[in-house]
């Protein structure tokens, strides 16, 4: 098995669109160490973060953060420690075009 520490995702998604920003590759498990959201706008914003097991259709049970408020020109940082299996997806949603999302963690490649 090989452990790869990396930036797993960086995204500036289209507003008002649920967007997959990371999918765990085949034969891989991933541990998410942190999730960072930066509001680069002078306006307040809201965002959602969900985890879709095996890329399942969107449901309320998947949300870790829903409609979370973020002040103008502010950053939200969550130390998560979540573990994901192959084909699991991280999805985000925002109402502001100036939001960036970054996911950091470790990919464990091998027989999973």
PDB file of N, CA and C in Angstrom:
ATOM      1  N   UNK A   1       0.834  -1.185   0.000  1.00  0.00           N
ATOM      2  CA  UNK A   1       0.000   0.000   0.000  1.00  0.00           C
ATOM      3  C   UNK A   1       0.874   1.242   0.000  1.00  0.00           C
ATOM      4  N   UNK A   2       0.369   2.296  -0.645  1.00  0.00           N
ATOM      5  CA  UNK A   2       1.085   3.557  -0.752  1.00  0.00           C
ATOM      6  C   UNK A   2       0.219   4.676  -0.182  1.00  0.00           C
ATOM      7  N   UNK A   3       0.792   5.471   0.726  1.00  0.00           N
ATOM      8  CA  UNK A   3       0.096   6.628   1.286  1.00  0.00           C
ATOM      9  C   UNK A   3       0.575   7.878   0.562  1.00  0.00           C
ATOM     10  N   UNK A   4      -0.361   8.668   0.061  1.00  0.00           N
ATOM     11  CA  UNK A   4      -0.020   9.900  -0.643  1.00  0.00           C
ATOM     12  C   UNK A   4      -0.730  11.065   0.026  1.00  0.00           C
ATOM     13  N   UNK A   5       0.037  11.940   0.672  1.00  0.00           N
ATOM     14  CA  UNK A   5      -0.505  13.144   1.297  1.00  0.00           C
ATOM     15  C   UNK A   5      -0.623  14.197   0.213  1.00  0.00           C
ATOM     16  N   UNK A   6      -1.803  14.829   0.088  1.00  0.00           N
ATOM     17  CA  UNK A   6      -1.956  15.778  -1.008  1.00  0.00           C
ATOM     18  C   UNK A   6      -3.133  16.727  -0.814  1.00  0.00           C
ATOM     19  N   UNK A   7      -3.165  17.692  -1.712  1.00  0.00           N
ATOM     20  CA  UNK A   7      -4.361  18.508  -1.895  1.00  0.00           C
ATOM     21  C   UNK A   7      -5.274  17.643  -2.757  1.00  0.00           C
ATOM     22  N   UNK A   8      -6.390  17.236  -2.201  1.00  0.00           N
ATOM     23  CA  UNK A   8      -7.273  16.315  -2.912  1.00  0.00           C
ATOM     24  C   UNK A   8      -8.199  17.024  -3.889  1.00  0.00           C
ATOM     25  N   UNK A   9      -8.555  18.262  -3.559  1.00  0.00           N
ATOM     26  CA  UNK A   9      -9.472  18.997  -4.431  1.00  0.00           C
ATOM     27  C   UNK A   9      -9.325  20.488  -4.224  1.00  0.00           C
ATOM     28  N   UNK A  10      -9.493  21.225  -5.308  1.00  0.00           N
ATOM     29  CA  UNK A  10      -9.593  22.678  -5.280  1.00  0.00           C
ATOM     30  C   UNK A  10     -10.659  23.044  -6.301  1.00  0.00           C
ATOM     31  N   UNK A  11     -11.653  23.833  -5.869  1.00  0.00           N
ATOM     32  CA  UNK A  11     -12.756  24.137  -6.764  1.00  0.00           C
ATOM     33  C   UNK A  11     -13.335  25.513  -6.494  1.00  0.00           C
ATOM     34  N   UNK A  12     -13.758  26.160  -7.550  1.00  0.00           N
ATOM     35  CA  UNK A  12     -14.545  27.389  -7.512  1.00  0.00           C
ATOM     36  C   UNK A  12     -15.795  27.068  -8.328  1.00  0.00           C
ATOM     37  N   UNK A  13     -16.775  26.404  -7.690  1.00  0.00           N
ATOM     38  CA  UNK A  13     -17.899  25.854  -8.446  1.00  0.00           C
ATOM     39  C   UNK A  13     -18.884  26.922  -8.941  1.00  0.00           C
ATOM     40  N   UNK A  14     -19.657  26.531  -9.914  1.00  0.00           N
ATOM     41  CA  UNK A  14     -20.756  27.358 -10.409  1.00  0.00           C
ATOM     42  C   UNK A  14     -21.772  27.547  -9.296  1.00  0.00           C
ATOM     43  N   UNK A  15     -22.291  28.781  -9.159  1.00  0.00           N
ATOM     44  CA  UNK A  15     -23.244  29.037  -8.075  1.00  0.00           C
ATOM     45  C   UNK A  15     -24.540  28.253  -8.279  1.00  0.00           C
ATOM     46  N   UNK A  16     -25.171  27.958  -7.141  1.00  0.00           N
ATOM     47  CA  UNK A  16     -26.467  27.283  -7.086  1.00  0.00           C
ATOM     48  C   UNK A  16     -26.489  25.949  -7.835  1.00  0.00           C
ATOM     49  N   UNK A  17     -25.339  25.254  -7.831  1.00  0.00           N
ATOM     50  CA  UNK A  17     -25.225  23.961  -8.499  1.00  0.00           C
ATOM     51  C   UNK A  17     -24.485  22.993  -7.579  1.00  0.00           C
ATOM     52  N   UNK A  18     -25.106  21.885  -7.244  1.00  0.00           N
ATOM     53  CA  UNK A  18     -24.418  20.857  -6.467  1.00  0.00           C
ATOM     54  C   UNK A  18     -23.296  20.292  -7.332  1.00  0.00           C
ATOM     55  N   UNK A  19     -22.055  20.392  -6.839  1.00  0.00           N
ATOM     56  CA  UNK A  19     -20.880  20.066  -7.634  1.00  0.00           C
ATOM     57  C   UNK A  19     -20.010  19.029  -6.923  1.00  0.00           C
ATOM     58  N   UNK A  20     -19.666  17.956  -7.618  1.00  0.00           N
ATOM     59  CA  UNK A  20     -18.725  16.980  -7.085  1.00  0.00           C
ATOM     60  C   UNK A  20     -17.320  17.532  -7.270  1.00  0.00           C
ATOM     61  N   UNK A  21     -16.596  17.708  -6.150  1.00  0.00           N
ATOM     62  CA  UNK A  21     -15.233  18.238  -6.249  1.00  0.00           C
ATOM     63  C   UNK A  21     -14.165  17.168  -6.038  1.00  0.00           C
ATOM     64  N   UNK A  22     -14.570  15.980  -5.537  1.00  0.00           N
ATOM     65  CA  UNK A  22     -13.597  14.908  -5.354  1.00  0.00           C
ATOM     66  C   UNK A  22     -14.322  13.573  -5.352  1.00  0.00           C
ATOM     67  N   UNK A  23     -13.770  12.617  -6.074  1.00  0.00           N
ATOM     68  CA  UNK A  23     -14.246  11.236  -6.068  1.00  0.00           C
ATOM     69  C   UNK A  23     -13.060  10.352  -5.715  1.00  0.00           C
ATOM     70  N   UNK A  24     -13.227   9.484  -4.735  1.00  0.00           N
ATOM     71  CA  UNK A  24     -12.141   8.579  -4.333  1.00  0.00           C
ATOM     72  C   UNK A  24     -11.890   7.596  -5.478  1.00  0.00           C
ATOM     73  N   UNK A  25     -10.643   7.507  -5.943  1.00  0.00           N
ATOM     74  CA  UNK A  25     -10.321   6.591  -7.049  1.00  0.00           C
ATOM     75  C   UNK A  25     -10.518   5.119  -6.666  1.00  0.00           C
ATOM     76  N   UNK A  26     -10.595   4.267  -7.684  1.00  0.00           N
ATOM     77  CA  UNK A  26     -10.696   2.819  -7.479  1.00  0.00           C
ATOM     78  C   UNK A  26      -9.482   2.319  -6.705  1.00  0.00           C
ATOM     79  N   UNK A  27      -9.663   1.263  -5.942  1.00  0.00           N
ATOM     80  CA  UNK A  27      -8.591   0.642  -5.143  1.00  0.00           C
ATOM     81  C   UNK A  27      -7.909   1.623  -4.202  1.00  0.00           C
ATOM     82  N   UNK A  28      -8.676   2.568  -3.698  1.00  0.00           N
ATOM     83  CA  UNK A  28      -8.133   3.617  -2.836  1.00  0.00           C
ATOM     84  C   UNK A  28      -9.105   3.904  -1.705  1.00  0.00           C
ATOM     85  N   UNK A  29      -8.554   4.206  -0.544  1.00  0.00           N
ATOM     86  CA  UNK A  29      -9.312   4.757   0.576  1.00  0.00           C
ATOM     87  C   UNK A  29      -8.704   6.130   0.844  1.00  0.00           C
ATOM     88  N   UNK A  30      -9.498   7.041   1.351  1.00  0.00           N
ATOM     89  CA  UNK A  30      -9.007   8.396   1.583  1.00  0.00           C
ATOM     90  C   UNK A  30      -9.401   8.858   2.971  1.00  0.00           C
ATOM     91  N   UNK A  31      -8.473   9.517   3.650  1.00  0.00           N
ATOM     92  CA  UNK A  31      -8.773  10.180   4.912  1.00  0.00           C
ATOM     93  C   UNK A  31      -8.703  11.682   4.660  1.00  0.00           C
ATOM     94  N   UNK A  32      -9.796  12.353   4.927  1.00  0.00           N
ATOM     95  CA  UNK A  32      -9.871  13.805   4.762  1.00  0.00           C
ATOM     96  C   UNK A  32      -9.384  14.440   6.054  1.00  0.00           C
ATOM     97  N   UNK A  33      -8.308  15.213   5.963  1.00  0.00           N
ATOM     98  CA  UNK A  33      -7.794  15.866   7.168  1.00  0.00           C
ATOM     99  C   UNK A  33      -8.445  17.220   7.401  1.00  0.00           C
ATOM    100  N   UNK A  34      -8.645  17.976   6.329  1.00  0.00           N
ATOM    101  CA  UNK A  34      -9.287  19.281   6.510  1.00  0.00           C
ATOM    102  C   UNK A  34     -10.013  19.726   5.255  1.00  0.00           C
ATOM    103  N   UNK A  35     -10.974  20.592   5.500  1.00  0.00           N
ATOM    104  CA  UNK A  35     -11.846  21.157   4.474  1.00  0.00           C
ATOM    105  C   UNK A  35     -11.836  22.662   4.693  1.00  0.00           C
ATOM    106  N   UNK A  36     -11.468  23.428   3.663  1.00  0.00           N
ATOM    107  CA  UNK A  36     -11.331  24.874   3.795  1.00  0.00           C
ATOM    108  C   UNK A  36     -12.198  25.567   2.749  1.00  0.00           C
ATOM    109  N   UNK A  37     -12.972  26.556   3.203  1.00  0.00           N
ATOM    110  CA  UNK A  37     -13.806  27.353   2.311  1.00  0.00           C
ATOM    111  C   UNK A  37     -13.401  28.805   2.477  1.00  0.00           C
ATOM    112  N   UNK A  38     -13.134  29.475   1.353  1.00  0.00           N
ATOM    113  CA  UNK A  38     -12.738  30.877   1.385  1.00  0.00           C
ATOM    114  C   UNK A  38     -13.752  31.711   0.609  1.00  0.00           C
ATOM    115  N   UNK A  39     -14.345  32.687   1.283  1.00  0.00           N
ATOM    116  CA  UNK A  39     -15.255  33.633   0.632  1.00  0.00           C
ATOM    117  C   UNK A  39     -14.422  34.833   0.198  1.00  0.00           C
ATOM    118  N   UNK A  40     -14.142  34.928  -1.076  1.00  0.00           N
ATOM    119  CA  UNK A  40     -13.303  35.982  -1.622  1.00  0.00           C
ATOM    120  C   UNK A  40     -14.116  37.208  -2.040  1.00  0.00           C
ATOM    121  N   UNK A  41     -15.356  37.230  -1.654  1.00  0.00           N
ATOM    122  CA  UNK A  41     -16.266  38.295  -2.053  1.00  0.00           C
ATOM    123  C   UNK A  41     -16.485  39.297  -0.925  1.00  0.00           C
ATOM    124  N   UNK A  42     -16.906  40.479  -1.276  1.00  0.00           N
ATOM    125  CA  UNK A  42     -17.293  41.480  -0.295  1.00  0.00           C
ATOM    126  C   UNK A  42     -18.703  41.268   0.212  1.00  0.00           C
ATOM    127  N   UNK A  43     -19.337  40.183  -0.239  1.00  0.00           N
ATOM    128  CA  UNK A  43     -20.701  39.846   0.182  1.00  0.00           C
ATOM    129  C   UNK A  43     -20.703  38.570   1.017  1.00  0.00           C
ATOM    130  N   UNK A  44     -21.632  38.469   1.951  1.00  0.00           N
ATOM    131  CA  UNK A  44     -21.799  37.248   2.731  1.00  0.00           C
ATOM    132  C   UNK A  44     -22.235  36.116   1.807  1.00  0.00           C
ATOM    133  N   UNK A  45     -22.017  34.884   2.242  1.00  0.00           N
ATOM    134  CA  UNK A  45     -22.365  33.723   1.421  1.00  0.00           C
ATOM    135  C   UNK A  45     -22.789  32.561   2.306  1.00  0.00           C
ATOM    136  N   UNK A  46     -23.335  31.543   1.674  1.00  0.00           N
ATOM    137  CA  UNK A  46     -23.700  30.295   2.329  1.00  0.00           C
ATOM    138  C   UNK A  46     -23.146  29.145   1.509  1.00  0.00           C
ATOM    139  N   UNK A  47     -22.882  28.011   2.186  1.00  0.00           N
ATOM    140  CA  UNK A  47     -22.418  26.831   1.453  1.00  0.00           C
ATOM    141  C   UNK A  47     -22.910  25.555   2.111  1.00  0.00           C
ATOM    142  N   UNK A  48     -22.865  24.485   1.321  1.00  0.00           N
ATOM    143  CA  UNK A  48     -23.191  23.141   1.777  1.00  0.00           C
ATOM    144  C   UNK A  48     -22.011  22.230   1.485  1.00  0.00           C
ATOM    145  N   UNK A  49     -21.851  21.200   2.303  1.00  0.00           N
ATOM    146  CA  UNK A  49     -20.864  20.148   2.068  1.00  0.00           C
ATOM    147  C   UNK A  49     -21.550  18.816   2.337  1.00  0.00           C
ATOM    148  N   UNK A  50     -21.452  17.896   1.381  1.00  0.00           N
ATOM    149  CA  UNK A  50     -22.045  16.574   1.577  1.00  0.00           C
ATOM    150  C   UNK A  50     -21.080  15.490   1.119  1.00  0.00           C
ATOM    151  N   UNK A  51     -21.287  14.286   1.655  1.00  0.00           N
ATOM    152  CA  UNK A  51     -20.518  13.105   1.277  1.00  0.00           C
ATOM    153  C   UNK A  51     -21.510  12.084   0.729  1.00  0.00           C
ATOM    154  N   UNK A  52     -21.304  11.691  -0.512  1.00  0.00           N
ATOM    155  CA  UNK A  52     -22.187  10.712  -1.154  1.00  0.00           C
ATOM    156  C   UNK A  52     -21.464   9.372  -1.206  1.00  0.00           C
ATOM    157  N   UNK A  53     -21.918   8.429  -0.398  1.00  0.00           N
ATOM    158  CA  UNK A  53     -21.316   7.096  -0.379  1.00  0.00           C
ATOM    159  C   UNK A  53     -21.555   6.441  -1.741  1.00  0.00           C
ATOM    160  N   UNK A  54     -20.451   5.987  -2.356  1.00  0.00           N
ATOM    161  CA  UNK A  54     -20.494   5.324  -3.663  1.00  0.00           C
ATOM    162  C   UNK A  54     -21.191   6.182  -4.717  1.00  0.00           C
ATOM    163  N   UNK A  55     -21.127   7.510  -4.567  1.00  0.00           N
ATOM    164  CA  UNK A  55     -21.719   8.410  -5.550  1.00  0.00           C
ATOM    165  C   UNK A  55     -23.231   8.375  -5.596  1.00  0.00           C
ATOM    166  N   UNK A  56     -23.851   8.015  -4.481  1.00  0.00           N
ATOM    167  CA  UNK A  56     -25.313   7.899  -4.426  1.00  0.00           C
ATOM    168  C   UNK A  56     -25.989   9.225  -4.760  1.00  0.00           C
ATOM    169  N   UNK A  57     -27.248   9.145  -5.169  1.00  0.00           N
ATOM    170  CA  UNK A  57     -28.045  10.336  -5.443  1.00  0.00           C
ATOM    171  C   UNK A  57     -28.138  11.186  -4.177  1.00  0.00           C
ATOM    172  N   UNK A  58     -28.274  12.481  -4.344  1.00  0.00           N
ATOM    173  CA  UNK A  58     -28.315  13.439  -3.236  1.00  0.00           C
ATOM    174  C   UNK A  58     -29.499  13.179  -2.302  1.00  0.00           C
ATOM    175  N   UNK A  59     -29.206  13.109  -0.984  1.00  0.00           N
ATOM    176  CA  UNK A  59     -30.248  12.974   0.036  1.00  0.00           C
ATOM    177  C   UNK A  59     -29.874  13.830   1.240  1.00  0.00           C
ATOM    178  N   UNK A  60     -30.837  14.204   2.090  1.00  0.00           N
ATOM    179  CA  UNK A  60     -30.528  15.007   3.277  1.00  0.00           C
ATOM    180  C   UNK A  60     -29.548  14.348   4.238  1.00  0.00           C
ATOM    181  N   UNK A  61     -29.482  13.031   4.277  1.00  0.00           N
ATOM    182  CA  UNK A  61     -28.598  12.317   5.209  1.00  0.00           C
ATOM    183  C   UNK A  61     -27.121  12.534   4.917  1.00  0.00           C
ATOM    184  N   UNK A  62     -26.769  12.987   3.726  1.00  0.00           N
ATOM    185  CA  UNK A  62     -25.373  13.115   3.319  1.00  0.00           C
ATOM    186  C   UNK A  62     -24.692  14.395   3.807  1.00  0.00           C
ATOM    187  N   UNK A  63     -25.451  15.358   4.316  1.00  0.00           N
ATOM    188  CA  UNK A  63     -24.891  16.687   4.577  1.00  0.00           C
ATOM    189  C   UNK A  63     -24.148  16.781   5.909  1.00  0.00           C
ATOM    190  N   UNK A  64     -22.898  17.286   5.822  1.00  0.00           N
ATOM    191  CA  UNK A  64     -22.116  17.600   7.017  1.00  0.00           C
ATOM    192  C   UNK A  64     -22.340  19.057   7.407  1.00  0.00           C
ATOM    193  N   UNK A  65     -22.477  19.915   6.411  1.00  0.00           N
ATOM    194  CA  UNK A  65     -22.791  21.340   6.619  1.00  0.00           C
ATOM    195  C   UNK A  65     -23.865  21.711   5.612  1.00  0.00           C
ATOM    196  N   UNK A  66     -24.892  22.419   6.086  1.00  0.00           N
ATOM    197  CA  UNK A  66     -25.983  22.819   5.196  1.00  0.00           C
ATOM    198  C   UNK A  66     -26.321  24.281   5.430  1.00  0.00           C
ATOM    199  N   UNK A  67     -26.241  25.050   4.367  1.00  0.00           N
ATOM    200  CA  UNK A  67     -26.572  26.477   4.408  1.00  0.00           C
ATOM    201  C   UNK A  67     -25.759  27.216   5.472  1.00  0.00           C
ATOM    202  N   UNK A  68     -24.492  26.818   5.620  1.00  0.00           N
ATOM    203  CA  UNK A  68     -23.611  27.429   6.610  1.00  0.00           C
ATOM    204  C   UNK A  68     -23.215  28.830   6.148  1.00  0.00           C
ATOM    205  N   UNK A  69     -23.409  29.805   7.004  1.00  0.00           N
ATOM    206  CA  UNK A  69     -23.146  31.212   6.709  1.00  0.00           C
ATOM    207  C   UNK A  69     -21.652  31.499   6.804  1.00  0.00           C
ATOM    208  N   UNK A  70     -21.136  32.268   5.838  1.00  0.00           N
ATOM    209  CA  UNK A  70     -19.741  32.684   5.858  1.00  0.00           C
ATOM    210  C   UNK A  70     -19.680  34.176   5.531  1.00  0.00           C
ATOM    211  N   UNK A  71     -19.112  34.937   6.460  1.00  0.00           N
ATOM    212  CA  UNK A  71     -18.995  36.384   6.272  1.00  0.00           C
ATOM    213  C   UNK A  71     -18.194  36.725   5.026  1.00  0.00           C
ATOM    214  N   UNK A  72     -18.387  37.944   4.540  1.00  0.00           N
ATOM    215  CA  UNK A  72     -17.605  38.454   3.427  1.00  0.00           C
ATOM    216  C   UNK A  72     -16.118  38.399   3.777  1.00  0.00           C
ATOM    217  N   UNK A  73     -15.298  38.028   2.817  1.00  0.00           N
ATOM    218  CA  UNK A  73     -13.835  37.989   2.973  1.00  0.00           C
ATOM    219  C   UNK A  73     -13.378  37.174   4.182  1.00  0.00           C
ATOM    220  N   UNK A  74     -14.055  36.065   4.433  1.00  0.00           N
ATOM    221  CA  UNK A  74     -13.720  35.218   5.579  1.00  0.00           C
ATOM    222  C   UNK A  74     -13.413  33.804   5.097  1.00  0.00           C
ATOM    223  N   UNK A  75     -12.817  33.014   5.993  1.00  0.00           N
ATOM    224  CA  UNK A  75     -12.465  31.631   5.689  1.00  0.00           C
ATOM    225  C   UNK A  75     -13.003  30.714   6.770  1.00  0.00           C
ATOM    226  N   UNK A  76     -13.529  29.559   6.360  1.00  0.00           N
ATOM    227  CA  UNK A  76     -14.019  28.518   7.252  1.00  0.00           C
ATOM    228  C   UNK A  76     -13.081  27.330   7.116  1.00  0.00           C
ATOM    229  N   UNK A  77     -12.608  26.806   8.257  1.00  0.00           N
ATOM    230  CA  UNK A  77     -11.721  25.642   8.254  1.00  0.00           C
ATOM    231  C   UNK A  77     -12.289  24.580   9.178  1.00  0.00           C
ATOM    232  N   UNK A  78     -12.429  23.371   8.661  1.00  0.00           N
ATOM    233  CA  UNK A  78     -12.893  22.242   9.474  1.00  0.00           C
ATOM    234  C   UNK A  78     -11.843  21.144   9.440  1.00  0.00           C
ATOM    235  N   UNK A  79     -11.433  20.687  10.617  1.00  0.00           N
ATOM    236  CA  UNK A  79     -10.574  19.516  10.720  1.00  0.00           C
ATOM    237  C   UNK A  79     -11.522  18.341  10.874  1.00  0.00           C
ATOM    238  N   UNK A  80     -11.570  17.494   9.864  1.00  0.00           N
ATOM    239  CA  UNK A  80     -12.644  16.498   9.802  1.00  0.00           C
ATOM    240  C   UNK A  80     -12.206  15.102  10.239  1.00  0.00           C
ATOM    241  N   UNK A  81     -11.163  14.550   9.609  1.00  0.00           N
ATOM    242  CA  UNK A  81     -10.755  13.185   9.927  1.00  0.00           C
ATOM    243  C   UNK A  81     -11.708  12.134   9.396  1.00  0.00           C
ATOM    244  N   UNK A  82     -12.457  12.459   8.342  1.00  0.00           N
ATOM    245  CA  UNK A  82     -13.404  11.506   7.755  1.00  0.00           C
ATOM    246  C   UNK A  82     -12.669  10.510   6.872  1.00  0.00           C
ATOM    247  N   UNK A  83     -13.162   9.282   6.859  1.00  0.00           N
ATOM    248  CA  UNK A  83     -12.588   8.259   5.986  1.00  0.00           C
ATOM    249  C   UNK A  83     -13.591   7.916   4.893  1.00  0.00           C
ATOM    250  N   UNK A  84     -13.084   7.822   3.669  1.00  0.00           N
ATOM    251  CA  UNK A  84     -13.934   7.550   2.516  1.00  0.00           C
ATOM    252  C   UNK A  84     -13.411   6.338   1.769  1.00  0.00           C
ATOM    253  N   UNK A  85     -14.328   5.609   1.143  1.00  0.00           N
ATOM    254  CA  UNK A  85     -13.971   4.433   0.348  1.00  0.00           C
ATOM    255  C   UNK A  85     -14.005   4.778  -1.137  1.00  0.00           C
ATOM    256  N   UNK A  86     -13.500   3.865  -1.949  1.00  0.00           N
ATOM    257  CA  UNK A  86     -13.492   4.054  -3.402  1.00  0.00           C
ATOM    258  C   UNK A  86     -14.889   4.421  -3.896  1.00  0.00           C
ATOM    259  N   UNK A  87     -14.960   5.373  -4.774  1.00  0.00           N
ATOM    260  CA  UNK A  87     -16.153   5.930  -5.435  1.00  0.00           C
ATOM    261  C   UNK A  87     -16.997   6.856  -4.555  1.00  0.00           C
ATOM    262  N   UNK A  88     -16.644   7.029  -3.282  1.00  0.00           N
ATOM    263  CA  UNK A  88     -17.338   8.037  -2.461  1.00  0.00           C
ATOM    264  C   UNK A  88     -17.021   9.413  -3.030  1.00  0.00           C
ATOM    265  N   UNK A  89     -17.969  10.350  -2.890  1.00  0.00           N
ATOM    266  CA  UNK A  89     -17.798  11.683  -3.468  1.00  0.00           C
ATOM    267  C   UNK A  89     -18.003  12.781  -2.435  1.00  0.00           C
ATOM    268  N   UNK A  90     -17.220  13.842  -2.586  1.00  0.00           N
ATOM    269  CA  UNK A  90     -17.418  15.068  -1.811  1.00  0.00           C
ATOM    270  C   UNK A  90     -18.094  16.062  -2.742  1.00  0.00           C
ATOM    271  N   UNK A  91     -19.203  16.630  -2.264  1.00  0.00           N
ATOM    272  CA  UNK A  91     -19.965  17.582  -3.070  1.00  0.00           C
ATOM    273  C   UNK A  91     -20.142  18.889  -2.308  1.00  0.00           C
ATOM    274  N   UNK A  92     -20.162  19.991  -3.057  1.00  0.00           N
ATOM    275  CA  UNK A  92     -20.362  21.308  -2.460  1.00  0.00           C
ATOM    276  C   UNK A  92     -21.425  22.073  -3.234  1.00  0.00           C
ATOM    277  N   UNK A  93     -21.934  23.104  -2.577  1.00  0.00           N
ATOM    278  CA  UNK A  93     -22.952  23.984  -3.160  1.00  0.00           C
ATOM    279  C   UNK A  93     -22.750  25.355  -2.533  1.00  0.00           C
ATOM    280  N   UNK A  94     -22.853  26.411  -3.316  1.00  0.00           N
ATOM    281  CA  UNK A  94     -22.747  27.762  -2.779  1.00  0.00           C
ATOM    282  C   UNK A  94     -23.640  28.726  -3.554  1.00  0.00           C
ATOM    283  N   UNK A  95     -23.981  29.832  -2.900  1.00  0.00           N
ATOM    284  CA  UNK A  95     -24.789  30.868  -3.544  1.00  0.00           C
ATOM    285  C   UNK A  95     -23.939  32.063  -3.962  1.00  0.00           C
ATOM    286  N   UNK A  96     -22.605  31.897  -3.985  1.00  0.00           N
ATOM    287  CA  UNK A  96     -21.708  33.008  -4.273  1.00  0.00           C
ATOM    288  C   UNK A  96     -20.611  32.542  -5.234  1.00  0.00           C
ATOM    289  N   UNK A  97     -20.408  33.289  -6.318  1.00  0.00           N
ATOM    290  CA  UNK A  97     -19.429  32.901  -7.342  1.00  0.00           C
ATOM    291  C   UNK A  97     -17.985  33.052  -6.893  1.00  0.00           C
ATOM    292  N   UNK A  98     -17.755  33.704  -5.761  1.00  0.00           N
ATOM    293  CA  UNK A  98     -16.383  33.956  -5.291  1.00  0.00           C
ATOM    294  C   UNK A  98     -15.996  33.061  -4.124  1.00  0.00           C
ATOM    295  N   UNK A  99     -16.507  31.840  -4.120  1.00  0.00           N
ATOM    296  CA  UNK A  99     -16.181  30.884  -3.057  1.00  0.00           C
ATOM    297  C   UNK A  99     -15.231  29.825  -3.609  1.00  0.00           C
ATOM    298  N   UNK A 100     -14.156  29.553  -2.845  1.00  0.00           N
ATOM    299  CA  UNK A 100     -13.256  28.466  -3.223  1.00  0.00           C
ATOM    300  C   UNK A 100     -13.279  27.399  -2.140  1.00  0.00           C
ATOM    301  N   UNK A 101     -13.168  26.153  -2.583  1.00  0.00           N
ATOM    302  CA  UNK A 101     -13.210  24.995  -1.700  1.00  0.00           C
ATOM    303  C   UNK A 101     -11.925  24.199  -1.880  1.00  0.00           C
ATOM    304  N   UNK A 102     -11.287  23.848  -0.775  1.00  0.00           N
ATOM    305  CA  UNK A 102     -10.058  23.051  -0.798  1.00  0.00           C
ATOM    306  C   UNK A 102     -10.215  21.881   0.167  1.00  0.00           C
ATOM    307  N   UNK A 103      -9.769  20.724  -0.281  1.00  0.00           N
ATOM    308  CA  UNK A 103      -9.820  19.511   0.538  1.00  0.00           C
ATOM    309  C   UNK A 103      -8.412  18.937   0.615  1.00  0.00           C
ATOM    310  N   UNK A 104      -7.958  18.639   1.825  1.00  0.00           N
ATOM    311  CA  UNK A 104      -6.621  18.103   2.068  1.00  0.00           C
ATOM    312  C   UNK A 104      -6.746  16.744   2.747  1.00  0.00           C
ATOM    313  N   UNK A 105      -5.835  15.829   2.437  1.00  0.00           N
ATOM    314  CA  UNK A 105      -5.902  14.529   3.075  1.00  0.00           C
ATOM    315  C   UNK A 105      -4.866  13.558   2.565  1.00  0.00           C
ATOM    316  N   UNK A 106      -5.146  12.270   2.813  1.00  0.00           N
ATOM    317  CA  UNK A 106      -4.226  11.193   2.458  1.00  0.00           C
ATOM    318  C   UNK A 106      -4.985  10.144   1.657  1.00  0.00           C
ATOM    319  N   UNK A 107      -4.435   9.786   0.506  1.00  0.00           N
ATOM    320  CA  UNK A 107      -4.970   8.678  -0.271  1.00  0.00           C
ATOM    321  C   UNK A 107      -4.153   7.438   0.045  1.00  0.00           C
ATOM    322  N   UNK A 108      -4.856   6.336   0.351  1.00  0.00           N
ATOM    323  CA  UNK A 108      -4.221   5.058   0.659  1.00  0.00           C
ATOM    324  C   UNK A 108      -4.520   4.114  -0.491  1.00  0.00           C
ATOM    325  N   UNK A 109      -3.534   3.877  -1.329  1.00  0.00           N
ATOM    326  CA  UNK A 109      -3.726   3.076  -2.538  1.00  0.00           C
ATOM    327  C   UNK A 109      -3.247   1.652  -2.300  1.00  0.00           C
ATOM    328  N   UNK A 110      -4.062   0.693  -2.723  1.00  0.00           N
ATOM    329  CA  UNK A 110      -3.721  -0.711  -2.559  1.00  0.00           C
ATOM    330  C   UNK A 110      -4.944  -1.551  -2.774  1.00  0.00           C
ATOM    331  N   UNK A 111      -5.088  -2.613  -2.023  1.00  0.00           N
ATOM    332  CA  UNK A 111      -6.236  -3.509  -2.138  1.00  0.00           C
ATOM    333  C   UNK A 111      -7.293  -3.108  -1.131  1.00  0.00           C
ATOM    334  N   UNK A 112      -8.317  -2.424  -1.611  1.00  0.00           N
ATOM    335  CA  UNK A 112      -9.432  -1.992  -0.745  1.00  0.00           C
ATOM    336  C   UNK A 112     -10.729  -2.451  -1.305  1.00  0.00           C
TER     337      UNK A 112
END
